[in-house]
Amino acid sequence: MWSETCKMFLFILFVVTGVLYTSATDTVSTAGKGHIIVKHACEHDKHDTITLSCSRGGTIHIWYAMYGRLETNVCPDSATTNCRSASSLSATNRLCEGRNSCQVSARNSVFGEPCQGVGKYLEVVYELNTIIEVYPGK
C-alpha cells in the first residue's frame, strides 16, 4: 500500500516523465529509463531494513524518502499521521545515492525521532539506472 504522499509524488513524476505508475506492483518498468521501485519498512518490525540493489553495475537514484507517519494504513497504526523526519531524504541519499546497493533501516538512530511514541515507517521511491552496453560494429 502506498501512502497518499507517495501517490502524489508518483503522479507528479508521471506528469514530468509520462510514465504511468500503478499500485498493483512495487516495481514499474519505465521503458528504457530504468525501473522505479517503492519499498516500505516498519519500525520495530523484524523486517525494518530495506535493501536496495541494482544489478549489472547500475546505480541507485533516490526520488523520495519519508521516515515518520503520514498514513494509518501503511504499517498499520492508529496514531497521528502528520510527522516526518526532516532528514528522511538526505539520510537516505547519504546511504544510497549513486551506489550499486545499500541498506536503510527504519530506525530513529538513522533519521532522528520525528514523533515520540508513534510507530513509524520508512517509505523509499528509487530508480535503478542500469548501464546499457553498446558495442560498436566491426
Protein backbone atom coordinates (compact mmCIF):
# COMPACT_ATOMS: atom_id res chain seq x y z
CA MET A 1 0.00 0.00 0.00
CA TRP A 2 1.42 3.38 -1.00
CA SER A 3 0.87 6.44 1.18
CA GLU A 4 -1.11 9.37 -0.18
CA THR A 5 2.06 11.48 -0.21
CA CYS A 6 3.86 8.83 -2.23
CA LYS A 7 0.92 8.61 -4.65
CA MET A 8 1.05 12.38 -5.15
CA PHE A 9 4.80 12.21 -5.76
CA LEU A 10 4.32 9.43 -8.33
CA PHE A 11 1.59 11.47 -10.03
CA ILE A 12 3.97 14.43 -10.35
CA LEU A 13 6.64 12.06 -11.65
CA PHE A 14 4.09 10.81 -14.22
CA VAL A 15 3.38 14.36 -15.38
CA VAL A 16 7.11 15.01 -15.81
CA THR A 17 8.17 11.67 -17.36
CA GLY A 18 4.97 10.45 -19.00
CA VAL A 19 5.33 7.06 -17.31
CA LEU A 20 2.26 5.71 -15.51
CA TYR A 21 2.73 4.04 -12.12
CA THR A 22 0.14 1.77 -10.54
CA SER A 23 -0.23 0.44 -7.03
CA ALA A 24 -0.59 -3.09 -8.40
CA THR A 25 3.14 -3.62 -8.12
CA ASP A 26 6.12 -2.19 -6.31
CA THR A 27 8.33 -2.29 -9.43
CA VAL A 28 7.48 -0.34 -12.54
CA SER A 29 9.42 -0.54 -15.80
CA THR A 30 9.94 2.84 -17.39
CA ALA A 31 10.71 1.68 -20.92
CA GLY A 32 14.42 2.34 -21.13
CA LYS A 33 14.58 4.92 -18.37
CA GLY A 34 15.31 2.44 -15.58
CA HIS A 35 12.94 0.96 -13.02
CA ILE A 36 11.06 2.88 -10.32
CA ILE A 37 10.64 0.88 -7.12
CA VAL A 38 8.70 1.70 -3.95
CA LYS A 39 9.67 -0.03 -0.70
CA HIS A 40 8.45 0.19 2.88
CA ALA A 41 9.87 -0.88 6.23
CA CYS A 42 8.13 -0.68 9.59
CA GLU A 43 9.90 0.50 12.74
CA HIS A 44 10.20 -2.27 15.39
CA ASP A 45 9.44 -4.98 12.81
CA LYS A 46 11.75 -7.90 12.11
CA HIS A 47 11.95 -6.57 8.54
CA ASP A 48 12.78 -2.97 9.48
CA THR A 49 15.59 -2.70 6.93
CA ILE A 50 15.14 -2.03 3.23
CA THR A 51 17.74 -3.39 0.81
CA LEU A 52 18.14 -1.51 -2.44
CA SER A 53 20.24 -3.11 -5.14
CA CYS A 54 20.92 -2.69 -8.83
CA SER A 55 22.28 -5.49 -10.99
CA ARG A 56 24.90 -5.32 -13.72
CA GLY A 57 26.76 -2.29 -12.42
CA GLY A 58 23.79 0.08 -12.41
CA THR A 59 23.25 2.77 -9.80
CA ILE A 60 20.51 3.85 -7.41
CA HIS A 61 18.81 7.24 -7.64
CA ILE A 62 16.56 8.23 -4.71
CA TRP A 63 13.44 10.14 -5.76
CA TYR A 64 11.62 10.28 -2.41
CA ALA A 65 12.15 9.12 1.16
CA MET A 66 9.97 9.60 4.22
CA TYR A 67 10.53 8.31 7.76
CA GLY A 68 7.70 9.04 10.17
CA ARG A 69 3.96 8.53 9.90
CA LEU A 70 1.70 10.18 7.33
CA GLU A 71 -0.84 7.38 6.88
CA THR A 72 -2.55 4.93 9.23
CA ASN A 73 -2.79 2.17 6.57
CA VAL A 74 0.98 1.80 5.99
CA CYS A 75 2.47 -0.37 8.74
CA PRO A 76 -0.96 -0.10 10.41
CA ASP A 77 -1.11 2.16 13.44
CA SER A 78 -3.95 4.34 14.68
CA ALA A 79 -1.58 7.10 15.86
CA THR A 80 -1.12 10.56 14.40
CA THR A 81 -0.45 10.75 10.69
CA ASN A 82 1.38 14.03 10.43
CA CYS A 83 5.00 13.58 11.42
CA ARG A 84 8.13 13.05 9.38
CA SER A 85 11.85 13.32 9.87
CA ALA A 86 13.34 16.37 8.16
CA SER A 87 16.40 14.24 7.35
CA SER A 88 14.49 11.47 5.54
CA LEU A 89 15.71 12.25 2.04
CA SER A 90 19.20 13.47 2.96
CA ALA A 91 19.95 10.45 5.18
CA THR A 92 18.70 8.01 2.51
CA ASN A 93 20.71 9.84 -0.17
CA ARG A 94 23.83 9.70 2.00
CA LEU A 95 23.46 5.93 2.36
CA CYS A 96 22.34 5.03 -1.17
CA GLU A 97 22.57 7.67 -3.91
CA GLY A 98 24.80 6.58 -6.79
CA ARG A 99 25.65 3.22 -5.25
CA ASN A 100 25.06 -0.25 -6.62
CA SER A 101 23.42 -1.44 -3.37
CA CYS A 102 22.68 -0.22 0.13
CA GLN A 103 20.57 -0.86 3.22
CA VAL A 104 18.40 1.65 5.08
CA SER A 105 16.78 0.87 8.42
CA ALA A 106 13.52 2.34 9.71
CA ARG A 107 15.08 3.46 12.98
CA ASN A 108 15.38 6.66 15.00
CA SER A 109 19.14 6.11 15.09
CA VAL A 110 19.23 6.76 11.33
CA PHE A 111 16.67 9.57 10.97
CA GLY A 112 16.18 11.02 14.44
CA GLU A 113 12.91 10.93 16.42
CA PRO A 114 10.22 12.82 14.50
CA CYS A 115 7.26 11.83 16.70
CA GLN A 116 7.71 10.38 20.18
CA GLY A 117 5.65 7.28 20.97
CA VAL A 118 4.31 6.82 17.44
CA GLY A 119 5.01 3.72 15.32
CA LYS A 120 6.86 4.95 12.26
CA TYR A 121 7.67 3.59 8.82
CA LEU A 122 10.16 4.27 6.07
CA GLU A 123 8.95 4.75 2.51
CA VAL A 124 11.51 4.99 -0.30
CA VAL A 125 10.92 5.59 -4.00
CA TYR A 126 14.02 4.97 -6.06
CA GLU A 127 15.14 4.35 -9.60
CA LEU A 128 17.58 1.76 -10.85
CA ASN A 129 19.73 3.35 -13.52
CA THR A 130 21.13 0.47 -15.49
CA ILE A 131 24.18 0.63 -17.70
CA ILE A 132 23.46 -0.05 -21.33
CA GLU A 133 26.42 -1.64 -23.06
CA VAL A 134 26.95 -0.53 -26.63
CA TYR A 135 29.29 -2.49 -28.84
CA PRO A 136 30.48 -0.66 -31.94
CA GLY A 137 30.21 -2.52 -35.22
CA LYS A 138 33.34 -4.04 -36.77
